[in-house]
């Protein structure tokens, strides 16, 4: 993978996570709900790799 594409992908992931957090804070989503959603997503992806 070329370095500029790799760096662009990293920048996109950081920007997307920042936008997600900003939107969640703007909508006044409880931090525990956000943490639970992140944990559930992590567990789902982890369980998917076990197959």
Protein backbone atom coordinates (compact mmCIF):
# COMPACT_ATOMS: atom_id res chain seq x y z
CA UNK A 1 0.00 0.00 0.00
CA UNK A 2 1.49 3.37 -0.96
CA UNK A 3 2.38 5.67 1.91
CA UNK A 4 0.10 8.59 0.87
CA UNK A 5 -2.91 6.27 0.74
CA UNK A 6 -2.03 4.80 4.14
CA UNK A 7 -1.69 8.27 5.69
CA UNK A 8 -4.96 9.39 4.09
CA UNK A 9 -6.74 6.37 5.56
CA UNK A 10 -5.37 7.15 9.03
CA UNK A 11 -6.44 10.79 8.69
CA UNK A 12 -9.92 9.69 7.58
CA UNK A 13 -10.32 7.37 10.59
CA UNK A 14 -9.22 10.11 12.99
CA UNK A 15 -11.58 12.63 11.37
CA UNK A 16 -14.48 10.16 11.44
CA UNK A 17 -13.95 9.37 15.12
CA UNK A 18 -13.75 13.06 15.94
CA UNK A 19 -16.97 13.74 14.04
CA UNK A 20 -18.67 10.85 15.84
CA UNK A 21 -17.63 12.17 19.25
CA UNK A 22 -18.66 15.72 18.36
CA UNK A 23 -22.07 14.55 17.16
CA UNK A 24 -22.56 12.41 20.26
CA UNK A 25 -21.70 15.31 22.57
CA UNK A 26 -23.94 17.67 20.58
CA UNK A 27 -26.86 15.20 20.82
CA UNK A 28 -26.12 14.80 24.56
CA UNK A 29 -25.69 11.04 24.34
CA UNK A 30 -24.55 9.68 27.72
CA UNK A 31 -20.88 8.73 27.77
CA UNK A 32 -21.71 5.28 29.14
CA UNK A 33 -23.95 4.59 26.13
CA UNK A 34 -21.12 5.57 23.80
CA UNK A 35 -18.70 3.35 25.73
CA UNK A 36 -21.16 0.44 25.62
CA UNK A 37 -21.57 0.82 21.85
CA UNK A 38 -17.79 0.84 21.38
CA UNK A 39 -17.42 -2.25 23.58
CA UNK A 40 -20.20 -4.10 21.74
CA UNK A 41 -18.62 -3.28 18.37
CA UNK A 42 -15.22 -4.43 19.57
CA UNK A 43 -16.65 -7.71 20.89
CA UNK A 44 -18.55 -8.30 17.64
CA UNK A 45 -15.43 -7.81 15.55
CA UNK A 46 -13.38 -9.94 17.93
CA UNK A 47 -15.90 -12.78 17.80
CA UNK A 48 -15.94 -12.56 14.02
CA UNK A 49 -12.18 -13.29 13.89
CA UNK A 50 -12.53 -16.52 15.88
CA UNK A 51 -14.22 -18.36 13.04
